[in-house]
Amino acid sequence: MGPEDLIRVGSYLSVLGVMATWELVAPRRPLTASKLCRWGGNLTIVILNTAIARLFFMGGVIATAAMAQGRGWGLLNWIDAPVWLEVGLAVVALDLIIYAQHQVFHYVPTLWRFHMMHHSDLDLDVSSGVRFHPVEIVISTAVKAVSVLVLGVAPLAVVIFEVVLNSTALFNHSNVQMPLSVDRALRWFVVTPDMHRIHHSTDPRETNSNYGFNVPGWDRLFGTYCPEPALGQLGMKIGLEHLGPPVCLNLFMMLRFPFVTTLGRYAERTQA
């Protein structure tokens, strides 16, 4: 395990611990399903996803960045700018790409099959931030690797981006209470839990909004921002309306989920 892995794992476990504690002390919404069952499935699949990503991308995205830098590939390697500016541009560009990728996973029915496993969680808490199907993880990692090559992103920028992305995913999926005035102010700088929770509403119009993970401005800029759910934060239902009776998914059920579940009305934004 290299130093970049220690940084990523250390930051991940730290944020996970802080947000899990915050959820216990000040939860935003009451939970509706067994936390033990949900956390068992969600944390098991993140371990599997980490192993699969290692298998498919032996050197990882960071190694791809090092290769691009060493060979002078990519847009940022063709310009002469301060390191801080190149890193900043790279992080923002990668975040925009992830925002666009997220939308594509909602629009394309085949991709939605895999992404809807993330949306099938019965509640939303910090563990939901790592609940992704392995096929989606492979595709997402491939997109990041290609983006790093094209942009010429430096390894340092990749490490920073991955740490920020993982941390904000845990933060904005968490079930934490904060003053509404603080939430409104933070939304200009980071995607808050109340903002992202709307994206997990059973209402397709709300599911197809608030795609951002790090930068909240993309949703405002591209017209996908929804400030509040129609039923309010406490009245809003989480999950997918077409799944039938609530079922807590174990690892095996998560893996087969895309192949045995109907798409529902979410894959295309045809709602009025």
C-alpha atoms as a PDB file:
ATOM      1  CA  MET A   1       0.000   0.000   0.000  1.00  0.00           C
ATOM      2  CA  GLY A   2       1.550   3.274  -1.150  1.00  0.00           C
ATOM      3  CA  PRO A   3       1.370   6.643   0.641  1.00  0.00           C
ATOM      4  CA  GLU A   4      -1.493   7.802  -1.604  1.00  0.00           C
ATOM      5  CA  ASP A   5      -3.510   4.742  -0.544  1.00  0.00           C
ATOM      6  CA  LEU A   6      -2.842   5.490   3.117  1.00  0.00           C
ATOM      7  CA  ILE A   7      -4.047   9.058   2.601  1.00  0.00           C
ATOM      8  CA  ARG A   8      -7.226   7.922   0.859  1.00  0.00           C
ATOM      9  CA  VAL A   9      -8.034   5.167   3.367  1.00  0.00           C
ATOM     10  CA  GLY A  10      -7.204   7.359   6.343  1.00  0.00           C
ATOM     11  CA  SER A  11      -9.371  10.242   5.158  1.00  0.00           C
ATOM     12  CA  TYR A  12     -12.193   7.849   4.227  1.00  0.00           C
ATOM     13  CA  LEU A  13     -12.263   6.166   7.650  1.00  0.00           C
ATOM     14  CA  SER A  14     -11.990   9.517   9.426  1.00  0.00           C
ATOM     15  CA  VAL A  15     -14.941  11.057   7.579  1.00  0.00           C
ATOM     16  CA  LEU A  16     -16.953   7.845   7.933  1.00  0.00           C
ATOM     17  CA  GLY A  17     -16.402   7.860  11.690  1.00  0.00           C
ATOM     18  CA  VAL A  18     -17.261  11.558  12.080  1.00  0.00           C
ATOM     19  CA  MET A  19     -20.445  11.351   9.994  1.00  0.00           C
ATOM     20  CA  ALA A  20     -21.610   8.098  11.605  1.00  0.00           C
ATOM     21  CA  THR A  21     -21.201   9.691  15.038  1.00  0.00           C
ATOM     22  CA  TRP A  22     -23.023  12.841  13.922  1.00  0.00           C
ATOM     23  CA  GLU A  23     -25.902  10.690  12.639  1.00  0.00           C
ATOM     24  CA  LEU A  24     -26.242   9.034  16.054  1.00  0.00           C
ATOM     25  CA  VAL A  25     -26.149  12.336  17.929  1.00  0.00           C
ATOM     26  CA  ALA A  26     -28.348  14.437  15.589  1.00  0.00           C
ATOM     27  CA  PRO A  27     -30.203  12.464  12.871  1.00  0.00           C
ATOM     28  CA  ARG A  28     -32.161  14.389  10.210  1.00  0.00           C
ATOM     29  CA  ARG A  29     -34.779  11.721   9.503  1.00  0.00           C
ATOM     30  CA  PRO A  30     -35.970   8.618  11.378  1.00  0.00           C
ATOM     31  CA  LEU A  31     -34.685   5.379   9.843  1.00  0.00           C
ATOM     32  CA  THR A  32     -37.208   2.935   8.388  1.00  0.00           C
ATOM     33  CA  ALA A  33     -35.071  -0.201   7.917  1.00  0.00           C
ATOM     34  CA  SER A  34     -32.623  -2.300   9.897  1.00  0.00           C
ATOM     35  CA  LYS A  35     -29.344  -0.400  10.093  1.00  0.00           C
ATOM     36  CA  LEU A  36     -27.437  -3.626  10.720  1.00  0.00           C
ATOM     37  CA  CYS A  37     -28.746  -5.169   7.479  1.00  0.00           C
ATOM     38  CA  ARG A  38     -28.194  -2.064   5.384  1.00  0.00           C
ATOM     39  CA  TRP A  39     -24.701  -1.352   6.692  1.00  0.00           C
ATOM     40  CA  GLY A  40     -23.744  -5.005   6.274  1.00  0.00           C
ATOM     41  CA  GLY A  41     -24.643  -4.921   2.582  1.00  0.00           C
ATOM     42  CA  ASN A  42     -23.309  -1.426   1.883  1.00  0.00           C
ATOM     43  CA  LEU A  43     -19.929  -1.927   3.543  1.00  0.00           C
ATOM     44  CA  THR A  44     -19.499  -5.399   2.055  1.00  0.00           C
ATOM     45  CA  ILE A  45     -20.009  -4.138  -1.479  1.00  0.00           C
ATOM     46  CA  VAL A  46     -17.465  -1.328  -1.044  1.00  0.00           C
ATOM     47  CA  ILE A  47     -14.849  -3.924  -0.097  1.00  0.00           C
ATOM     48  CA  LEU A  48     -15.743  -5.926  -3.208  1.00  0.00           C
ATOM     49  CA  ASN A  49     -15.675  -2.796  -5.383  1.00  0.00           C
ATOM     50  CA  THR A  50     -12.212  -1.863  -4.119  1.00  0.00           C
ATOM     51  CA  ALA A  51     -10.889  -5.317  -4.998  1.00  0.00           C
ATOM     52  CA  ILE A  52     -12.515  -5.259  -8.457  1.00  0.00           C
ATOM     53  CA  ALA A  53     -11.157  -1.788  -9.242  1.00  0.00           C
ATOM     54  CA  ARG A  54      -7.681  -3.011  -8.315  1.00  0.00           C
ATOM     55  CA  LEU A  55      -8.111  -6.050 -10.567  1.00  0.00           C
ATOM     56  CA  PHE A  56      -9.301  -4.133 -13.636  1.00  0.00           C
ATOM     57  CA  PHE A  57      -6.968  -1.158 -13.159  1.00  0.00           C
ATOM     58  CA  MET A  58      -3.802  -2.634 -11.717  1.00  0.00           C
ATOM     59  CA  GLY A  59      -1.993   0.675 -11.325  1.00  0.00           C
ATOM     60  CA  GLY A  60      -5.103   2.730 -10.690  1.00  0.00           C
ATOM     61  CA  VAL A  61      -5.967   6.204 -11.920  1.00  0.00           C
ATOM     62  CA  ILE A  62      -2.951   7.632 -10.082  1.00  0.00           C
ATOM     63  CA  ALA A  63      -0.588   5.426 -12.122  1.00  0.00           C
ATOM     64  CA  THR A  64      -2.368   6.588 -15.270  1.00  0.00           C
ATOM     65  CA  ALA A  65      -1.745  10.193 -14.212  1.00  0.00           C
ATOM     66  CA  ALA A  66       1.932   9.455 -13.586  1.00  0.00           C
ATOM     67  CA  MET A  67       2.277   7.905 -17.043  1.00  0.00           C
ATOM     68  CA  ALA A  68       0.582  10.901 -18.692  1.00  0.00           C
ATOM     69  CA  GLN A  69       2.832  13.302 -16.806  1.00  0.00           C
ATOM     70  CA  GLY A  70       5.975  11.344 -17.628  1.00  0.00           C
ATOM     71  CA  ARG A  71       5.175  11.276 -21.350  1.00  0.00           C
ATOM     72  CA  GLY A  72       3.801  14.802 -21.574  1.00  0.00           C
ATOM     73  CA  TRP A  73       0.316  13.686 -22.586  1.00  0.00           C
ATOM     74  CA  GLY A  74      -2.800  15.775 -22.033  1.00  0.00           C
ATOM     75  CA  LEU A  75      -3.901  19.395 -22.156  1.00  0.00           C
ATOM     76  CA  LEU A  76      -2.487  20.484 -18.812  1.00  0.00           C
ATOM     77  CA  ASN A  77       0.949  19.134 -19.733  1.00  0.00           C
ATOM     78  CA  TRP A  78       1.009  21.472 -22.725  1.00  0.00           C
ATOM     79  CA  ILE A  79       0.622  24.661 -20.711  1.00  0.00           C
ATOM     80  CA  ASP A  80       3.071  26.376 -18.385  1.00  0.00           C
ATOM     81  CA  ALA A  81       1.163  27.315 -15.237  1.00  0.00           C
ATOM     82  CA  PRO A  82       1.804  27.255 -11.490  1.00  0.00           C
ATOM     83  CA  VAL A  83       1.232  23.896  -9.823  1.00  0.00           C
ATOM     84  CA  TRP A  84      -1.610  25.238  -7.683  1.00  0.00           C
ATOM     85  CA  LEU A  85      -3.444  26.486 -10.779  1.00  0.00           C
ATOM     86  CA  GLU A  86      -3.008  23.232 -12.682  1.00  0.00           C
ATOM     87  CA  VAL A  87      -4.204  21.214  -9.694  1.00  0.00           C
ATOM     88  CA  GLY A  88      -7.208  23.499  -9.221  1.00  0.00           C
ATOM     89  CA  LEU A  89      -8.187  23.323 -12.889  1.00  0.00           C
ATOM     90  CA  ALA A  90      -7.786  19.540 -12.904  1.00  0.00           C
ATOM     91  CA  VAL A  91      -9.952  19.015  -9.818  1.00  0.00           C
ATOM     92  CA  VAL A  92     -12.716  21.263 -11.165  1.00  0.00           C
ATOM     93  CA  ALA A  93     -12.575  19.621 -14.619  1.00  0.00           C
ATOM     94  CA  LEU A  94     -12.763  16.115 -13.148  1.00  0.00           C
ATOM     95  CA  ASP A  95     -15.688  17.149 -10.981  1.00  0.00           C
ATOM     96  CA  LEU A  96     -17.566  18.434 -14.031  1.00  0.00           C
ATOM     97  CA  ILE A  97     -16.915  15.140 -15.810  1.00  0.00           C
ATOM     98  CA  ILE A  98     -18.278  13.171 -12.834  1.00  0.00           C
ATOM     99  CA  TYR A  99     -21.354  15.421 -12.786  1.00  0.00           C
ATOM    100  CA  ALA A 100     -21.938  14.706 -16.491  1.00  0.00           C
ATOM    101  CA  GLN A 101     -21.310  10.996 -15.989  1.00  0.00           C
ATOM    102  CA  HIS A 102     -23.890  10.943 -13.216  1.00  0.00           C
ATOM    103  CA  GLN A 103     -26.490  12.427 -15.553  1.00  0.00           C
ATOM    104  CA  VAL A 104     -25.653   9.896 -18.264  1.00  0.00           C
ATOM    105  CA  PHE A 105     -26.223   7.056 -15.803  1.00  0.00           C
ATOM    106  CA  HIS A 106     -29.717   8.441 -15.254  1.00  0.00           C
ATOM    107  CA  TYR A 107     -30.550   9.034 -18.913  1.00  0.00           C
ATOM    108  CA  VAL A 108     -29.283   5.816 -20.507  1.00  0.00           C
ATOM    109  CA  PRO A 109     -31.528   2.872 -19.531  1.00  0.00           C
ATOM    110  CA  THR A 110     -28.736   0.281 -19.660  1.00  0.00           C
ATOM    111  CA  LEU A 111     -26.544   2.354 -17.352  1.00  0.00           C
ATOM    112  CA  TRP A 112     -29.493   3.215 -15.124  1.00  0.00           C
ATOM    113  CA  ARG A 113     -29.956  -0.516 -14.488  1.00  0.00           C
ATOM    114  CA  PHE A 114     -26.693  -0.505 -12.568  1.00  0.00           C
ATOM    115  CA  HIS A 115     -26.986   2.944 -10.998  1.00  0.00           C
ATOM    116  CA  MET A 116     -30.477   2.319  -9.632  1.00  0.00           C
ATOM    117  CA  MET A 117     -28.991  -0.169  -7.178  1.00  0.00           C
ATOM    118  CA  HIS A 118     -27.511   2.893  -5.458  1.00  0.00           C
ATOM    119  CA  HIS A 119     -30.979   4.483  -5.388  1.00  0.00           C
ATOM    120  CA  SER A 120     -32.652   1.340  -4.039  1.00  0.00           C
ATOM    121  CA  ASP A 121     -31.419   1.972  -0.490  1.00  0.00           C
ATOM    122  CA  LEU A 122     -34.396   2.152   1.872  1.00  0.00           C
ATOM    123  CA  ASP A 123     -32.854   4.941   3.941  1.00  0.00           C
ATOM    124  CA  LEU A 124     -30.116   7.437   3.245  1.00  0.00           C
ATOM    125  CA  ASP A 125     -27.152   7.661   5.562  1.00  0.00           C
ATOM    126  CA  VAL A 126     -23.358   7.759   5.397  1.00  0.00           C
ATOM    127  CA  SER A 127     -23.170   4.109   4.292  1.00  0.00           C
ATOM    128  CA  SER A 128     -25.246   4.932   1.191  1.00  0.00           C
ATOM    129  CA  GLY A 129     -22.296   6.960  -0.107  1.00  0.00           C
ATOM    130  CA  VAL A 130     -20.401   3.755  -0.927  1.00  0.00           C
ATOM    131  CA  ARG A 131     -23.345   1.693  -2.217  1.00  0.00           C
ATOM    132  CA  PHE A 132     -22.582   1.279  -5.943  1.00  0.00           C
ATOM    133  CA  HIS A 133     -22.771  -1.724  -8.244  1.00  0.00           C
ATOM    134  CA  PRO A 134     -19.343  -3.092  -9.296  1.00  0.00           C
ATOM    135  CA  VAL A 135     -20.173  -2.548 -12.989  1.00  0.00           C
ATOM    136  CA  GLU A 136     -20.765   1.145 -12.290  1.00  0.00           C
ATOM    137  CA  ILE A 137     -17.469   1.332 -10.389  1.00  0.00           C
ATOM    138  CA  VAL A 138     -15.573  -0.188 -13.321  1.00  0.00           C
ATOM    139  CA  ILE A 139     -17.189   2.211 -15.802  1.00  0.00           C
ATOM    140  CA  SER A 140     -16.603   5.211 -13.543  1.00  0.00           C
ATOM    141  CA  THR A 141     -12.957   4.278 -12.982  1.00  0.00           C
ATOM    142  CA  ALA A 142     -12.460   3.880 -16.744  1.00  0.00           C
ATOM    143  CA  VAL A 143     -14.014   7.311 -17.353  1.00  0.00           C
ATOM    144  CA  LYS A 144     -11.686   8.883 -14.794  1.00  0.00           C
ATOM    145  CA  ALA A 145      -8.648   7.142 -16.287  1.00  0.00           C
ATOM    146  CA  VAL A 146      -9.455   8.350 -19.811  1.00  0.00           C
ATOM    147  CA  SER A 147     -10.182  11.851 -18.498  1.00  0.00           C
ATOM    148  CA  VAL A 148      -6.835  11.943 -16.691  1.00  0.00           C
ATOM    149  CA  LEU A 149      -5.041  10.969 -19.909  1.00  0.00           C
ATOM    150  CA  VAL A 150      -6.858  13.552 -22.032  1.00  0.00           C
ATOM    151  CA  LEU A 151      -6.491  16.353 -19.501  1.00  0.00           C
ATOM    152  CA  GLY A 152      -2.972  15.471 -18.400  1.00  0.00           C
ATOM    153  CA  VAL A 153      -3.928  15.509 -14.727  1.00  0.00           C
ATOM    154  CA  ALA A 154      -0.987  15.300 -12.304  1.00  0.00           C
ATOM    155  CA  PRO A 155      -0.914  12.482  -9.710  1.00  0.00           C
ATOM    156  CA  LEU A 156      -1.203  15.049  -6.899  1.00  0.00           C
ATOM    157  CA  ALA A 157      -4.438  16.388  -8.398  1.00  0.00           C
ATOM    158  CA  VAL A 158      -5.846  12.850  -8.697  1.00  0.00           C
ATOM    159  CA  VAL A 159      -5.121  12.149  -5.021  1.00  0.00           C
ATOM    160  CA  ILE A 160      -6.748  15.435  -3.969  1.00  0.00           C
ATOM    161  CA  PHE A 161      -9.760  14.818  -6.189  1.00  0.00           C
ATOM    162  CA  GLU A 162     -10.271  11.253  -4.938  1.00  0.00           C
ATOM    163  CA  VAL A 163      -9.995  12.312  -1.295  1.00  0.00           C
ATOM    164  CA  VAL A 164     -12.451  15.182  -1.812  1.00  0.00           C
ATOM    165  CA  LEU A 165     -14.878  13.027  -3.854  1.00  0.00           C
ATOM    166  CA  ASN A 166     -14.923  10.194  -1.320  1.00  0.00           C
ATOM    167  CA  SER A 167     -15.268  12.603   1.598  1.00  0.00           C
ATOM    168  CA  THR A 168     -18.097  14.616   0.070  1.00  0.00           C
ATOM    169  CA  ALA A 169     -19.934  11.428  -0.987  1.00  0.00           C
ATOM    170  CA  LEU A 170     -19.944  10.303   2.643  1.00  0.00           C
ATOM    171  CA  PHE A 171     -20.907  13.786   3.835  1.00  0.00           C
ATOM    172  CA  ASN A 172     -23.768  14.501   1.444  1.00  0.00           C
ATOM    173  CA  HIS A 173     -25.348  11.055   1.810  1.00  0.00           C
ATOM    174  CA  SER A 174     -25.359  11.296   5.591  1.00  0.00           C
ATOM    175  CA  ASN A 175     -28.461  11.566   7.735  1.00  0.00           C
ATOM    176  CA  VAL A 176     -27.396  14.560   9.806  1.00  0.00           C
ATOM    177  CA  GLN A 177     -29.247  17.538  11.210  1.00  0.00           C
ATOM    178  CA  MET A 178     -27.837  21.034  10.776  1.00  0.00           C
ATOM    179  CA  PRO A 179     -29.402  24.497  11.098  1.00  0.00           C
ATOM    180  CA  LEU A 180     -31.278  25.464   7.927  1.00  0.00           C
ATOM    181  CA  SER A 181     -29.403  28.779   7.758  1.00  0.00           C
ATOM    182  CA  VAL A 182     -26.099  26.888   7.748  1.00  0.00           C
ATOM    183  CA  ASP A 183     -27.356  24.534   5.050  1.00  0.00           C
ATOM    184  CA  ARG A 184     -28.456  27.438   2.832  1.00  0.00           C
ATOM    185  CA  ALA A 185     -25.053  29.105   3.185  1.00  0.00           C
ATOM    186  CA  LEU A 186     -23.067  25.892   2.629  1.00  0.00           C
ATOM    187  CA  ARG A 187     -24.970  25.082  -0.574  1.00  0.00           C
ATOM    188  CA  TRP A 188     -23.042  27.775  -2.388  1.00  0.00           C
ATOM    189  CA  PHE A 189     -19.772  25.970  -1.661  1.00  0.00           C
ATOM    190  CA  VAL A 190     -20.506  22.264  -1.187  1.00  0.00           C
ATOM    191  CA  VAL A 191     -23.337  19.801  -1.796  1.00  0.00           C
ATOM    192  CA  THR A 192     -25.085  19.414   1.556  1.00  0.00           C
ATOM    193  CA  PRO A 193     -26.976  16.339   2.815  1.00  0.00           C
ATOM    194  CA  ASP A 194     -30.349  18.108   2.493  1.00  0.00           C
ATOM    195  CA  MET A 195     -29.515  19.066  -1.096  1.00  0.00           C
ATOM    196  CA  HIS A 196     -28.364  15.619  -2.212  1.00  0.00           C
ATOM    197  CA  ARG A 197     -31.087  13.764  -0.316  1.00  0.00           C
ATOM    198  CA  ILE A 198     -33.599  15.212  -2.792  1.00  0.00           C
ATOM    199  CA  HIS A 199     -31.794  13.251  -5.514  1.00  0.00           C
ATOM    200  CA  HIS A 200     -32.841  10.046  -3.718  1.00  0.00           C
ATOM    201  CA  SER A 201     -36.531  10.937  -3.621  1.00  0.00           C
ATOM    202  CA  THR A 202     -39.005   8.444  -5.097  1.00  0.00           C
ATOM    203  CA  ASP A 203     -40.431  11.318  -7.187  1.00  0.00           C
ATOM    204  CA  PRO A 204     -38.744  10.978 -10.633  1.00  0.00           C
ATOM    205  CA  ARG A 205     -38.664  14.760 -11.090  1.00  0.00           C
ATOM    206  CA  GLU A 206     -36.613  15.045  -7.913  1.00  0.00           C
ATOM    207  CA  THR A 207     -34.515  11.952  -8.617  1.00  0.00           C
ATOM    208  CA  ASN A 208     -33.414  13.608 -11.850  1.00  0.00           C
ATOM    209  CA  SER A 209     -32.016  16.672 -10.091  1.00  0.00           C
ATOM    210  CA  ASN A 210     -29.092  17.637  -7.832  1.00  0.00           C
ATOM    211  CA  TYR A 211     -26.506  15.427  -9.554  1.00  0.00           C
ATOM    212  CA  GLY A 212     -23.469  17.137  -8.068  1.00  0.00           C
ATOM    213  CA  PHE A 213     -21.183  15.571  -5.454  1.00  0.00           C
ATOM    214  CA  ASN A 214     -18.536  18.236  -4.843  1.00  0.00           C
ATOM    215  CA  VAL A 215     -19.378  21.481  -6.630  1.00  0.00           C
ATOM    216  CA  PRO A 216     -23.024  22.534  -6.160  1.00  0.00           C
ATOM    217  CA  GLY A 217     -22.741  25.132  -8.926  1.00  0.00           C
ATOM    218  CA  TRP A 218     -23.037  22.608 -11.767  1.00  0.00           C
ATOM    219  CA  ASP A 219     -26.690  21.943 -10.928  1.00  0.00           C
ATOM    220  CA  ARG A 220     -27.486  25.654 -10.825  1.00  0.00           C
ATOM    221  CA  LEU A 221     -25.549  26.291 -14.024  1.00  0.00           C
ATOM    222  CA  PHE A 222     -27.125  23.487 -16.054  1.00  0.00           C
ATOM    223  CA  GLY A 223     -30.664  23.760 -14.706  1.00  0.00           C
ATOM    224  CA  THR A 224     -30.752  20.556 -12.634  1.00  0.00           C
ATOM    225  CA  TYR A 225     -31.007  22.220  -9.232  1.00  0.00           C
ATOM    226  CA  CYS A 226     -33.965  21.470  -6.958  1.00  0.00           C
ATOM    227  CA  PRO A 227     -33.906  23.511  -3.732  1.00  0.00           C
ATOM    228  CA  GLU A 228     -36.540  21.573  -1.774  1.00  0.00           C
ATOM    229  CA  PRO A 229     -38.598  18.381  -2.224  1.00  0.00           C
ATOM    230  CA  ALA A 230     -42.324  18.783  -2.805  1.00  0.00           C
ATOM    231  CA  LEU A 231     -43.181  16.887   0.400  1.00  0.00           C
ATOM    232  CA  GLY A 232     -40.430  18.437   2.495  1.00  0.00           C
ATOM    233  CA  GLN A 233     -37.339  16.746   3.903  1.00  0.00           C
ATOM    234  CA  LEU A 234     -39.293  14.743   6.466  1.00  0.00           C
ATOM    235  CA  GLY A 235     -42.246  13.853   4.232  1.00  0.00           C
ATOM    236  CA  MET A 236     -40.178  12.826   1.200  1.00  0.00           C
ATOM    237  CA  LYS A 237     -39.877   9.094   0.524  1.00  0.00           C
ATOM    238  CA  ILE A 238     -36.449   7.626  -0.216  1.00  0.00           C
ATOM    239  CA  GLY A 239     -35.802   4.938  -2.823  1.00  0.00           C
ATOM    240  CA  LEU A 240     -37.543   3.794  -6.006  1.00  0.00           C
ATOM    241  CA  GLU A 241     -41.317   3.738  -6.244  1.00  0.00           C
ATOM    242  CA  HIS A 242     -41.588   0.676  -8.516  1.00  0.00           C
ATOM    243  CA  LEU A 243     -39.714  -1.821  -6.320  1.00  0.00           C
ATOM    244  CA  GLY A 244     -42.719  -2.989  -4.329  1.00  0.00           C
ATOM    245  CA  PRO A 245     -42.514  -3.954  -0.630  1.00  0.00           C
ATOM    246  CA  PRO A 246     -39.294  -2.753   1.056  1.00  0.00           C
ATOM    247  CA  VAL A 247     -36.549  -5.365   1.118  1.00  0.00           C
ATOM    248  CA  CYS A 248     -33.107  -4.974   2.667  1.00  0.00           C
ATOM    249  CA  LEU A 249     -30.604  -6.196   0.085  1.00  0.00           C
ATOM    250  CA  ASN A 250     -27.638  -8.375   0.958  1.00  0.00           C
ATOM    251  CA  LEU A 251     -24.511  -8.540  -1.221  1.00  0.00           C
ATOM    252  CA  PHE A 252     -25.821 -11.288  -3.508  1.00  0.00           C
ATOM    253  CA  MET A 253     -29.124  -9.451  -4.032  1.00  0.00           C
ATOM    254  CA  MET A 254     -27.250  -6.236  -4.837  1.00  0.00           C
ATOM    255  CA  LEU A 255     -25.110  -7.938  -7.471  1.00  0.00           C
ATOM    256  CA  ARG A 256     -28.110  -9.458  -9.269  1.00  0.00           C
ATOM    257  CA  PHE A 257     -30.334  -6.401  -8.781  1.00  0.00           C
ATOM    258  CA  PRO A 258     -29.766  -4.786 -12.245  1.00  0.00           C
ATOM    259  CA  PHE A 259     -30.609  -8.026 -14.029  1.00  0.00           C
ATOM    260  CA  VAL A 260     -33.877  -8.865 -12.249  1.00  0.00           C
ATOM    261  CA  THR A 261     -35.448  -5.444 -11.611  1.00  0.00           C
ATOM    262  CA  THR A 262     -37.604  -3.348 -13.944  1.00  0.00           C
ATOM    263  CA  LEU A 263     -36.407   0.149 -14.858  1.00  0.00           C
ATOM    264  CA  GLY A 264     -39.412   2.128 -13.665  1.00  0.00           C
ATOM    265  CA  ARG A 265     -39.956   5.698 -14.859  1.00  0.00           C
ATOM    266  CA  TYR A 266     -36.562   7.069 -13.915  1.00  0.00           C
ATOM    267  CA  ALA A 267     -34.299   6.458 -16.908  1.00  0.00           C
ATOM    268  CA  GLU A 268     -35.798   9.242 -19.035  1.00  0.00           C
ATOM    269  CA  ARG A 269     -36.809  12.710 -17.902  1.00  0.00           C
ATOM    270  CA  THR A 270     -40.270  12.775 -19.432  1.00  0.00           C
ATOM    271  CA  GLN A 271     -42.106  13.970 -16.350  1.00  0.00           C
ATOM    272  CA  ALA A 272     -43.871  17.311 -16.485  1.00  0.00           C
END
